[in-house]
Amino acid sequence: MLAHLPDLLPSDSLVNSTTQVRCFGHVLNIGGKAFISVFIEGVDQEDDNEGSNDKYDNEAGDPLSDLEDDQEDAVGNEAAEARDRDEEERREIELLTNDLEEVKNLTKKDLEVAASAFTKLKKLGHSFRYQEEPRRDLKKECMKNKIKARTPKRAVDTRWNTWSDVVDRAVEIRTPLTQVLSSAKYAQGRKEKTKLAELRPDDDEWDLIEEIKPVLEWFKRATLRISASSRPLLCEVIPLIDTLTDNLLELRKDWTKSPQTRAGAAKAIAVLNKYYSKTDDTIMYKMSMSTCFLVLFL
């Protein structure tokens, strides 16, 4: 069969829309980035490669590496390329989604709550990485609450999927983390420094963080499932994208959810639809989803 493919396919098959299929891993990546963009658009940016811990009070000893953090930051040319690619995708998402009703209906307060919550999560990941005393206190509180000792995860600006780990960890250690940040000693410090107590999310922010946790898990599971194989099959990938899109559509019209979450779902749907719709014209799509074709392998 392979020997006859050149005779069966058009001469421009390598660039023809009927034979090309967009990388689904990349489609999922942009879709996830579109969803999380609602929450991190106003997040304070920090240098992820920075080794200094002088932004925070209650410093002790040398910077400690987060032993659980398996995300190593890109450096040099790779970091620059990642930032350029991230900025290009961000502009693409904005052009595609800024006119969506759910996005236009977001109020200034909605955006401020989202930015505040995720700025705090990001700074907590940075500060606990480089401060020994809060890490010790958090470990004690985890033990008191019979929770495995953990520290906040760090987010990497150019890797949206690290936010899934950040949110998962924050929800997991919410109680001991809140107890540490409520300690009087972390409310003290020099005026120009960021006090750890100021990084404690309030109830509204926690509600938002917990609400989007399962959504980020949808994207993470889908991405891991596709990336688990070096050659994911269309007949496996397409139902996966369909399920993800259906879940996002339900979320978009669920008025019990926050406007930020519904706007994020709307943005993700717009991105998935843009690239996924191109698949309908491909020969590969029709073959992989054809009942007659599948019967041949039964």
C-alpha atoms as a PDB file:
ATOM      1  CA  MET A   1       0.000   0.000   0.000  1.00  0.00           C
ATOM      2  CA  LEU A   2       2.779   2.418   0.916  1.00  0.00           C
ATOM      3  CA  ALA A   3       4.420   1.877  -2.468  1.00  0.00           C
ATOM      4  CA  HIS A   4       1.275   3.105  -4.242  1.00  0.00           C
ATOM      5  CA  LEU A   5       0.625   6.143  -2.029  1.00  0.00           C
ATOM      6  CA  PRO A   6       2.545   8.552  -4.335  1.00  0.00           C
ATOM      7  CA  ASP A   7       0.242   7.503  -7.190  1.00  0.00           C
ATOM      8  CA  LEU A   8      -2.909   7.957  -5.115  1.00  0.00           C
ATOM      9  CA  LEU A   9      -2.117  11.259  -3.428  1.00  0.00           C
ATOM     10  CA  PRO A  10      -2.046  14.622  -5.216  1.00  0.00           C
ATOM     11  CA  SER A  11       1.349  16.033  -6.215  1.00  0.00           C
ATOM     12  CA  ASP A  12       1.028  18.802  -3.623  1.00  0.00           C
ATOM     13  CA  SER A  13       0.073  16.366  -0.857  1.00  0.00           C
ATOM     14  CA  LEU A  14       2.769  17.572   1.514  1.00  0.00           C
ATOM     15  CA  VAL A  15       1.214  21.030   1.656  1.00  0.00           C
ATOM     16  CA  ASN A  16      -2.368  20.201   0.750  1.00  0.00           C
ATOM     17  CA  SER A  17      -5.098  20.753   3.347  1.00  0.00           C
ATOM     18  CA  THR A  18      -6.624  17.388   2.449  1.00  0.00           C
ATOM     19  CA  THR A  19      -3.584  15.485   3.672  1.00  0.00           C
ATOM     20  CA  GLN A  20      -2.129  17.690   6.382  1.00  0.00           C
ATOM     21  CA  VAL A  21      -3.103  17.307  10.031  1.00  0.00           C
ATOM     22  CA  ARG A  22      -2.144  19.923  12.599  1.00  0.00           C
ATOM     23  CA  CYS A  23      -0.047  18.680  15.533  1.00  0.00           C
ATOM     24  CA  PHE A  24      -2.666  17.946  18.183  1.00  0.00           C
ATOM     25  CA  GLY A  25      -0.150  18.416  20.967  1.00  0.00           C
ATOM     26  CA  HIS A  26       0.376  21.985  19.782  1.00  0.00           C
ATOM     27  CA  VAL A  27      -3.373  22.546  19.451  1.00  0.00           C
ATOM     28  CA  LEU A  28      -3.868  21.422  23.056  1.00  0.00           C
ATOM     29  CA  ASN A  29      -0.984  23.616  24.149  1.00  0.00           C
ATOM     30  CA  ILE A  30      -2.525  26.751  22.631  1.00  0.00           C
ATOM     31  CA  GLY A  31      -5.974  25.787  23.928  1.00  0.00           C
ATOM     32  CA  GLY A  32      -4.679  25.421  27.467  1.00  0.00           C
ATOM     33  CA  LYS A  33      -2.787  28.675  27.169  1.00  0.00           C
ATOM     34  CA  ALA A  34      -5.974  30.394  25.986  1.00  0.00           C
ATOM     35  CA  PHE A  35      -7.871  29.163  29.049  1.00  0.00           C
ATOM     36  CA  ILE A  36      -5.255  30.148  31.611  1.00  0.00           C
ATOM     37  CA  SER A  37      -4.629  33.531  29.942  1.00  0.00           C
ATOM     38  CA  VAL A  38      -7.724  34.958  31.648  1.00  0.00           C
ATOM     39  CA  PHE A  39      -6.115  34.314  35.024  1.00  0.00           C
ATOM     40  CA  ILE A  40      -2.467  35.171  34.395  1.00  0.00           C
ATOM     41  CA  GLU A  41      -2.751  38.137  32.022  1.00  0.00           C
ATOM     42  CA  GLY A  42      -2.165  40.595  34.863  1.00  0.00           C
ATOM     43  CA  VAL A  43       0.191  38.435  36.908  1.00  0.00           C
ATOM     44  CA  ASP A  44       3.374  40.177  38.047  1.00  0.00           C
ATOM     45  CA  GLN A  45       6.295  38.934  36.005  1.00  0.00           C
ATOM     46  CA  GLU A  46       9.460  37.746  37.710  1.00  0.00           C
ATOM     47  CA  ASP A  47      12.675  36.382  36.331  1.00  0.00           C
ATOM     48  CA  ASP A  48      12.233  32.626  36.595  1.00  0.00           C
ATOM     49  CA  ASN A  49      15.985  32.130  36.492  1.00  0.00           C
ATOM     50  CA  GLU A  50      16.630  34.559  39.292  1.00  0.00           C
ATOM     51  CA  GLY A  51      18.542  33.088  42.199  1.00  0.00           C
ATOM     52  CA  SER A  52      18.109  36.027  44.527  1.00  0.00           C
ATOM     53  CA  ASN A  53      15.804  35.877  47.524  1.00  0.00           C
ATOM     54  CA  ASP A  54      16.090  39.519  48.558  1.00  0.00           C
ATOM     55  CA  LYS A  55      12.521  40.418  47.590  1.00  0.00           C
ATOM     56  CA  TYR A  56      11.060  38.791  50.668  1.00  0.00           C
ATOM     57  CA  ASP A  57      11.428  39.135  54.406  1.00  0.00           C
ATOM     58  CA  ASN A  58      12.233  36.366  56.919  1.00  0.00           C
ATOM     59  CA  GLU A  59      15.195  35.134  54.903  1.00  0.00           C
ATOM     60  CA  ALA A  60      17.412  32.463  56.406  1.00  0.00           C
ATOM     61  CA  GLY A  61      20.559  30.819  55.075  1.00  0.00           C
ATOM     62  CA  ASP A  62      21.434  30.095  51.477  1.00  0.00           C
ATOM     63  CA  PRO A  63      18.783  29.582  48.812  1.00  0.00           C
ATOM     64  CA  LEU A  64      17.419  26.044  48.939  1.00  0.00           C
ATOM     65  CA  SER A  65      16.465  24.140  45.834  1.00  0.00           C
ATOM     66  CA  ASP A  66      12.926  22.754  45.746  1.00  0.00           C
ATOM     67  CA  LEU A  67      13.634  19.033  45.600  1.00  0.00           C
ATOM     68  CA  GLU A  68      10.144  18.342  44.297  1.00  0.00           C
ATOM     69  CA  ASP A  69      10.374  20.836  41.468  1.00  0.00           C
ATOM     70  CA  ASP A  70      11.165  18.832  38.358  1.00  0.00           C
ATOM     71  CA  GLN A  71      10.698  21.832  36.094  1.00  0.00           C
ATOM     72  CA  GLU A  72      14.068  23.230  35.075  1.00  0.00           C
ATOM     73  CA  ASP A  73      14.032  26.696  33.581  1.00  0.00           C
ATOM     74  CA  ALA A  74      15.140  27.280  30.026  1.00  0.00           C
ATOM     75  CA  VAL A  75      18.304  29.358  29.727  1.00  0.00           C
ATOM     76  CA  GLY A  76      20.179  31.326  27.103  1.00  0.00           C
ATOM     77  CA  ASN A  77      18.940  31.093  23.538  1.00  0.00           C
ATOM     78  CA  GLU A  78      16.285  28.538  24.460  1.00  0.00           C
ATOM     79  CA  ALA A  79      14.754  30.960  26.958  1.00  0.00           C
ATOM     80  CA  ALA A  80      14.701  33.769  24.406  1.00  0.00           C
ATOM     81  CA  GLU A  81      13.115  31.526  21.787  1.00  0.00           C
ATOM     82  CA  ALA A  82      10.520  30.329  24.287  1.00  0.00           C
ATOM     83  CA  ARG A  83       9.612  33.911  25.207  1.00  0.00           C
ATOM     84  CA  ASP A  84       9.296  34.901  21.540  1.00  0.00           C
ATOM     85  CA  ARG A  85       7.103  31.899  20.793  1.00  0.00           C
ATOM     86  CA  ASP A  86       5.009  32.557  23.886  1.00  0.00           C
ATOM     87  CA  GLU A  87       4.471  36.189  22.898  1.00  0.00           C
ATOM     88  CA  GLU A  88       3.498  35.220  19.357  1.00  0.00           C
ATOM     89  CA  GLU A  89       0.933  32.724  20.633  1.00  0.00           C
ATOM     90  CA  ARG A  90      -0.378  35.258  23.148  1.00  0.00           C
ATOM     91  CA  ARG A  91      -1.038  37.769  20.367  1.00  0.00           C
ATOM     92  CA  GLU A  92      -2.709  35.071  18.294  1.00  0.00           C
ATOM     93  CA  ILE A  93      -5.012  34.173  21.183  1.00  0.00           C
ATOM     94  CA  GLU A  94      -5.901  37.822  21.764  1.00  0.00           C
ATOM     95  CA  LEU A  95      -6.831  38.405  18.124  1.00  0.00           C
ATOM     96  CA  LEU A  96      -8.969  35.291  18.086  1.00  0.00           C
ATOM     97  CA  THR A  97     -10.765  35.722  21.416  1.00  0.00           C
ATOM     98  CA  ASN A  98     -10.924  39.370  22.520  1.00  0.00           C
ATOM     99  CA  ASP A  99     -14.304  39.903  20.838  1.00  0.00           C
ATOM    100  CA  LEU A 100     -15.962  36.943  22.543  1.00  0.00           C
ATOM    101  CA  GLU A 101     -18.978  37.950  24.617  1.00  0.00           C
ATOM    102  CA  GLU A 102     -17.704  36.203  27.750  1.00  0.00           C
ATOM    103  CA  VAL A 103     -14.385  38.014  27.489  1.00  0.00           C
ATOM    104  CA  LYS A 104     -15.917  41.440  26.857  1.00  0.00           C
ATOM    105  CA  ASN A 105     -18.263  40.966  29.833  1.00  0.00           C
ATOM    106  CA  LEU A 106     -15.389  40.548  32.284  1.00  0.00           C
ATOM    107  CA  THR A 107     -15.296  43.471  34.705  1.00  0.00           C
ATOM    108  CA  LYS A 108     -12.217  45.189  36.035  1.00  0.00           C
ATOM    109  CA  LYS A 109     -12.856  43.527  39.400  1.00  0.00           C
ATOM    110  CA  ASP A 110     -13.067  40.082  37.771  1.00  0.00           C
ATOM    111  CA  LEU A 111      -9.657  40.574  36.191  1.00  0.00           C
ATOM    112  CA  GLU A 112      -8.170  42.008  39.385  1.00  0.00           C
ATOM    113  CA  VAL A 113      -9.321  39.033  41.480  1.00  0.00           C
ATOM    114  CA  ALA A 114      -7.856  36.579  38.975  1.00  0.00           C
ATOM    115  CA  ALA A 115      -4.569  38.476  38.680  1.00  0.00           C
ATOM    116  CA  SER A 116      -4.272  38.846  42.454  1.00  0.00           C
ATOM    117  CA  ALA A 117      -4.876  35.148  43.111  1.00  0.00           C
ATOM    118  CA  PHE A 118      -2.350  33.941  40.584  1.00  0.00           C
ATOM    119  CA  THR A 119       0.232  36.601  41.383  1.00  0.00           C
ATOM    120  CA  LYS A 120       0.147  35.340  44.967  1.00  0.00           C
ATOM    121  CA  LEU A 121       0.533  31.724  43.876  1.00  0.00           C
ATOM    122  CA  LYS A 122       3.489  32.613  41.699  1.00  0.00           C
ATOM    123  CA  LYS A 123       5.225  34.626  44.412  1.00  0.00           C
ATOM    124  CA  LEU A 124       4.586  31.905  46.984  1.00  0.00           C
ATOM    125  CA  GLY A 125       6.320  29.380  44.755  1.00  0.00           C
ATOM    126  CA  HIS A 126       9.297  31.704  44.412  1.00  0.00           C
ATOM    127  CA  SER A 127       9.542  32.719  48.055  1.00  0.00           C
ATOM    128  CA  PHE A 128       9.230  29.223  49.545  1.00  0.00           C
ATOM    129  CA  ARG A 129      11.882  27.985  47.158  1.00  0.00           C
ATOM    130  CA  TYR A 130      14.460  30.380  48.581  1.00  0.00           C
ATOM    131  CA  GLN A 131      13.481  30.682  52.245  1.00  0.00           C
ATOM    132  CA  GLU A 132      14.322  28.003  54.762  1.00  0.00           C
ATOM    133  CA  GLU A 133      12.264  29.222  57.728  1.00  0.00           C
ATOM    134  CA  PRO A 134       8.847  29.222  55.992  1.00  0.00           C
ATOM    135  CA  ARG A 135       9.649  25.801  54.557  1.00  0.00           C
ATOM    136  CA  ARG A 136      10.295  24.437  58.035  1.00  0.00           C
ATOM    137  CA  ASP A 137       7.098  25.980  59.375  1.00  0.00           C
ATOM    138  CA  LEU A 138       5.075  24.628  56.476  1.00  0.00           C
ATOM    139  CA  LYS A 139       6.492  21.155  57.009  1.00  0.00           C
ATOM    140  CA  LYS A 140       5.405  21.277  60.661  1.00  0.00           C
ATOM    141  CA  GLU A 141       1.894  22.403  59.749  1.00  0.00           C
ATOM    142  CA  CYS A 142       1.630  19.671  57.127  1.00  0.00           C
ATOM    143  CA  MET A 143       2.538  17.084  59.746  1.00  0.00           C
ATOM    144  CA  LYS A 144      -0.039  18.504  62.166  1.00  0.00           C
ATOM    145  CA  ASN A 145      -2.702  18.217  59.482  1.00  0.00           C
ATOM    146  CA  LYS A 146      -1.527  14.724  58.512  1.00  0.00           C
ATOM    147  CA  ILE A 147      -0.590  15.903  55.034  1.00  0.00           C
ATOM    148  CA  LYS A 148       2.598  14.879  53.259  1.00  0.00           C
ATOM    149  CA  ALA A 149       5.107  17.701  53.590  1.00  0.00           C
ATOM    150  CA  ARG A 150       4.985  19.767  50.412  1.00  0.00           C
ATOM    151  CA  THR A 151       5.926  23.254  49.297  1.00  0.00           C
ATOM    152  CA  PRO A 152       4.226  25.511  46.721  1.00  0.00           C
ATOM    153  CA  LYS A 153       5.184  24.780  43.145  1.00  0.00           C
ATOM    154  CA  ARG A 154       6.770  27.399  40.910  1.00  0.00           C
ATOM    155  CA  ALA A 155       5.215  28.595  37.673  1.00  0.00           C
ATOM    156  CA  VAL A 156       7.322  29.199  34.570  1.00  0.00           C
ATOM    157  CA  ASP A 157       6.060  32.070  32.423  1.00  0.00           C
ATOM    158  CA  THR A 158       6.727  30.348  29.108  1.00  0.00           C
ATOM    159  CA  ARG A 159       5.137  27.039  30.162  1.00  0.00           C
ATOM    160  CA  TRP A 160       1.414  27.412  30.794  1.00  0.00           C
ATOM    161  CA  ASN A 161       1.080  23.790  31.901  1.00  0.00           C
ATOM    162  CA  THR A 162       3.207  24.445  34.991  1.00  0.00           C
ATOM    163  CA  TRP A 163       0.170  26.324  36.326  1.00  0.00           C
ATOM    164  CA  SER A 164      -1.685  23.025  36.601  1.00  0.00           C
ATOM    165  CA  ASP A 165       0.986  21.794  39.025  1.00  0.00           C
ATOM    166  CA  VAL A 166       0.936  25.126  40.878  1.00  0.00           C
ATOM    167  CA  VAL A 167      -2.837  24.994  41.379  1.00  0.00           C
ATOM    168  CA  ASP A 168      -2.846  21.293  42.319  1.00  0.00           C
ATOM    169  CA  ARG A 169      -0.205  21.836  44.973  1.00  0.00           C
ATOM    170  CA  ALA A 170      -1.852  24.965  46.388  1.00  0.00           C
ATOM    171  CA  VAL A 171      -5.194  23.199  46.821  1.00  0.00           C
ATOM    172  CA  GLU A 172      -3.472  20.165  48.325  1.00  0.00           C
ATOM    173  CA  ILE A 173      -1.716  22.188  51.050  1.00  0.00           C
ATOM    174  CA  ARG A 174      -4.294  24.969  51.438  1.00  0.00           C
ATOM    175  CA  THR A 175      -4.899  24.427  55.167  1.00  0.00           C
ATOM    176  CA  PRO A 176      -1.267  24.236  56.373  1.00  0.00           C
ATOM    177  CA  LEU A 177      -0.218  26.972  53.949  1.00  0.00           C
ATOM    178  CA  THR A 178      -2.931  29.298  55.254  1.00  0.00           C
ATOM    179  CA  GLN A 179      -1.861  28.577  58.827  1.00  0.00           C
ATOM    180  CA  VAL A 180       1.747  29.486  58.053  1.00  0.00           C
ATOM    181  CA  LEU A 181       0.830  32.664  56.195  1.00  0.00           C
ATOM    182  CA  SER A 182      -1.459  33.677  59.075  1.00  0.00           C
ATOM    183  CA  SER A 183       1.445  33.613  61.517  1.00  0.00           C
ATOM    184  CA  ALA A 184       2.168  37.006  63.063  1.00  0.00           C
ATOM    185  CA  LYS A 185       5.887  36.774  62.324  1.00  0.00           C
ATOM    186  CA  TYR A 186       5.233  36.723  58.590  1.00  0.00           C
ATOM    187  CA  ALA A 187       3.207  39.924  58.823  1.00  0.00           C
ATOM    188  CA  GLN A 188       6.264  41.817  60.065  1.00  0.00           C
ATOM    189  CA  GLY A 189       9.182  43.164  58.107  1.00  0.00           C
ATOM    190  CA  ARG A 190      10.708  46.101  56.367  1.00  0.00           C
ATOM    191  CA  LYS A 191       8.347  48.418  54.566  1.00  0.00           C
ATOM    192  CA  GLU A 192       9.895  47.974  51.130  1.00  0.00           C
ATOM    193  CA  LYS A 193       9.793  44.175  51.324  1.00  0.00           C
ATOM    194  CA  THR A 194       6.987  41.823  50.360  1.00  0.00           C
ATOM    195  CA  LYS A 195       5.647  40.193  53.515  1.00  0.00           C
ATOM    196  CA  LEU A 196       4.655  36.551  53.234  1.00  0.00           C
ATOM    197  CA  ALA A 197       1.379  37.256  55.023  1.00  0.00           C
ATOM    198  CA  GLU A 198       0.426  39.524  52.122  1.00  0.00           C
ATOM    199  CA  LEU A 199       0.595  36.535  49.787  1.00  0.00           C
ATOM    200  CA  ARG A 200      -2.214  34.645  51.511  1.00  0.00           C
ATOM    201  CA  PRO A 201      -5.138  34.244  49.065  1.00  0.00           C
ATOM    202  CA  ASP A 202      -8.497  35.417  50.394  1.00  0.00           C
ATOM    203  CA  ASP A 203     -11.674  33.316  50.211  1.00  0.00           C
ATOM    204  CA  ASP A 204     -12.739  34.639  46.791  1.00  0.00           C
ATOM    205  CA  GLU A 205      -9.300  33.907  45.386  1.00  0.00           C
ATOM    206  CA  TRP A 206      -9.291  30.390  46.823  1.00  0.00           C
ATOM    207  CA  ASP A 207     -12.726  29.751  45.316  1.00  0.00           C
ATOM    208  CA  LEU A 208     -11.369  30.713  41.910  1.00  0.00           C
ATOM    209  CA  ILE A 209      -8.228  28.616  42.323  1.00  0.00           C
ATOM    210  CA  GLU A 210     -10.221  25.530  43.299  1.00  0.00           C
ATOM    211  CA  GLU A 211     -12.773  26.086  40.542  1.00  0.00           C
ATOM    212  CA  ILE A 212     -10.274  25.917  37.690  1.00  0.00           C
ATOM    213  CA  LYS A 213      -8.293  22.999  39.117  1.00  0.00           C
ATOM    214  CA  PRO A 214     -10.318  20.307  37.280  1.00  0.00           C
ATOM    215  CA  VAL A 215     -10.240  22.291  34.022  1.00  0.00           C
ATOM    216  CA  LEU A 216      -6.456  22.465  34.045  1.00  0.00           C
ATOM    217  CA  GLU A 217      -6.439  18.734  34.774  1.00  0.00           C
ATOM    218  CA  TRP A 218      -8.516  18.123  31.619  1.00  0.00           C
ATOM    219  CA  PHE A 219      -5.844  19.759  29.498  1.00  0.00           C
ATOM    220  CA  LYS A 220      -3.019  18.100  31.382  1.00  0.00           C
ATOM    221  CA  ARG A 221      -4.490  14.598  31.054  1.00  0.00           C
ATOM    222  CA  ALA A 222      -5.213  15.113  27.359  1.00  0.00           C
ATOM    223  CA  THR A 223      -1.692  16.399  26.731  1.00  0.00           C
ATOM    224  CA  LEU A 224      -0.070  13.527  28.628  1.00  0.00           C
ATOM    225  CA  ARG A 225      -2.193  10.971  26.821  1.00  0.00           C
ATOM    226  CA  ILE A 226      -1.227  12.309  23.406  1.00  0.00           C
ATOM    227  CA  SER A 227       2.442  12.801  24.268  1.00  0.00           C
ATOM    228  CA  ALA A 228       2.683   9.274  25.717  1.00  0.00           C
ATOM    229  CA  SER A 229       2.976   7.965  22.166  1.00  0.00           C
ATOM    230  CA  SER A 230       5.478   9.142  19.590  1.00  0.00           C
ATOM    231  CA  ARG A 231       2.792   8.490  16.964  1.00  0.00           C
ATOM    232  CA  PRO A 232      -0.674   9.107  18.436  1.00  0.00           C
ATOM    233  CA  LEU A 233      -3.398   7.778  16.152  1.00  0.00           C
ATOM    234  CA  LEU A 234      -6.089  10.070  14.786  1.00  0.00           C
ATOM    235  CA  CYS A 235      -8.797   7.594  15.743  1.00  0.00           C
ATOM    236  CA  GLU A 236      -7.625   7.973  19.351  1.00  0.00           C
ATOM    237  CA  VAL A 237      -6.891  11.690  19.352  1.00  0.00           C
ATOM    238  CA  ILE A 238     -10.075  12.970  17.725  1.00  0.00           C
ATOM    239  CA  PRO A 239     -12.495  11.515  20.315  1.00  0.00           C
ATOM    240  CA  LEU A 240     -10.206  12.954  22.989  1.00  0.00           C
ATOM    241  CA  ILE A 241     -10.473  16.451  21.521  1.00  0.00           C
ATOM    242  CA  ASP A 242     -14.236  16.002  21.110  1.00  0.00           C
ATOM    243  CA  THR A 243     -14.633  15.113  24.787  1.00  0.00           C
ATOM    244  CA  LEU A 244     -12.515  18.070  25.889  1.00  0.00           C
ATOM    245  CA  THR A 245     -14.511  20.443  23.688  1.00  0.00           C
ATOM    246  CA  ASP A 246     -17.832  19.087  25.003  1.00  0.00           C
ATOM    247  CA  ASN A 247     -16.667  19.610  28.591  1.00  0.00           C
ATOM    248  CA  LEU A 248     -15.619  23.174  27.816  1.00  0.00           C
ATOM    249  CA  LEU A 249     -18.955  23.892  26.121  1.00  0.00           C
ATOM    250  CA  GLU A 250     -20.798  22.730  29.241  1.00  0.00           C
ATOM    251  CA  LEU A 251     -18.533  24.879  31.385  1.00  0.00           C
ATOM    252  CA  ARG A 252     -19.060  27.906  29.173  1.00  0.00           C
ATOM    253  CA  LYS A 253     -22.827  27.871  29.699  1.00  0.00           C
ATOM    254  CA  ASP A 254     -22.723  26.964  33.407  1.00  0.00           C
ATOM    255  CA  TRP A 255     -23.801  30.162  35.156  1.00  0.00           C
ATOM    256  CA  THR A 256     -22.896  28.745  38.559  1.00  0.00           C
ATOM    257  CA  LYS A 257     -19.249  29.153  37.559  1.00  0.00           C
ATOM    258  CA  SER A 258     -17.304  32.384  37.813  1.00  0.00           C
ATOM    259  CA  PRO A 259     -17.217  34.756  34.820  1.00  0.00           C
ATOM    260  CA  GLN A 260     -13.445  34.258  34.649  1.00  0.00           C
ATOM    261  CA  THR A 261     -13.803  30.488  34.272  1.00  0.00           C
ATOM    262  CA  ARG A 262     -16.537  30.791  31.647  1.00  0.00           C
ATOM    263  CA  ALA A 263     -14.448  33.324  29.722  1.00  0.00           C
ATOM    264  CA  GLY A 264     -11.462  30.990  29.862  1.00  0.00           C
ATOM    265  CA  ALA A 265     -13.594  28.143  28.523  1.00  0.00           C
ATOM    266  CA  ALA A 266     -14.869  30.358  25.690  1.00  0.00           C
ATOM    267  CA  LYS A 267     -11.304  31.300  24.723  1.00  0.00           C
ATOM    268  CA  ALA A 268     -10.141  27.688  24.755  1.00  0.00           C
ATOM    269  CA  ILE A 269     -13.107  26.603  22.615  1.00  0.00           C
ATOM    270  CA  ALA A 270     -12.346  29.308  20.049  1.00  0.00           C
ATOM    271  CA  VAL A 271      -8.750  28.141  19.732  1.00  0.00           C
ATOM    272  CA  LEU A 272      -9.619  24.439  19.556  1.00  0.00           C
ATOM    273  CA  ASN A 273     -12.295  25.088  16.948  1.00  0.00           C
ATOM    274  CA  LYS A 274      -9.962  27.152  14.774  1.00  0.00           C
ATOM    275  CA  TYR A 275      -7.399  24.399  14.369  1.00  0.00           C
ATOM    276  CA  TYR A 276      -9.541  21.337  14.906  1.00  0.00           C
ATOM    277  CA  SER A 277     -12.056  22.345  12.218  1.00  0.00           C
ATOM    278  CA  LYS A 278      -9.297  22.107   9.603  1.00  0.00           C
ATOM    279  CA  THR A 279      -9.113  18.380  10.285  1.00  0.00           C
ATOM    280  CA  ASP A 280     -12.575  17.818   8.791  1.00  0.00           C
ATOM    281  CA  ASP A 281     -11.212  18.322   5.267  1.00  0.00           C
ATOM    282  CA  THR A 282      -8.390  15.826   5.558  1.00  0.00           C
ATOM    283  CA  ILE A 283      -8.352  12.372   4.018  1.00  0.00           C
ATOM    284  CA  MET A 284      -6.734  11.062   7.206  1.00  0.00           C
ATOM    285  CA  TYR A 285      -9.669  12.233   9.308  1.00  0.00           C
ATOM    286  CA  LYS A 286     -12.233  10.568   7.062  1.00  0.00           C
ATOM    287  CA  MET A 287     -10.261   7.331   6.968  1.00  0.00           C
ATOM    288  CA  SER A 288      -9.554   7.149  10.696  1.00  0.00           C
ATOM    289  CA  MET A 289     -13.149   7.855  11.724  1.00  0.00           C
ATOM    290  CA  SER A 290     -14.813   5.769   9.007  1.00  0.00           C
ATOM    291  CA  THR A 291     -16.774   2.815  10.372  1.00  0.00           C
ATOM    292  CA  CYS A 292     -15.914   0.759   7.309  1.00  0.00           C
ATOM    293  CA  PHE A 293     -12.213   1.478   7.786  1.00  0.00           C
ATOM    294  CA  LEU A 294     -12.311   0.468  11.449  1.00  0.00           C
ATOM    295  CA  VAL A 295     -14.159  -2.768  10.641  1.00  0.00           C
ATOM    296  CA  LEU A 296     -11.121  -3.909   8.662  1.00  0.00           C
ATOM    297  CA  PHE A 297      -9.155  -4.100  11.901  1.00  0.00           C
ATOM    298  CA  LEU A 298     -11.769  -5.935  13.977  1.00  0.00           C
END
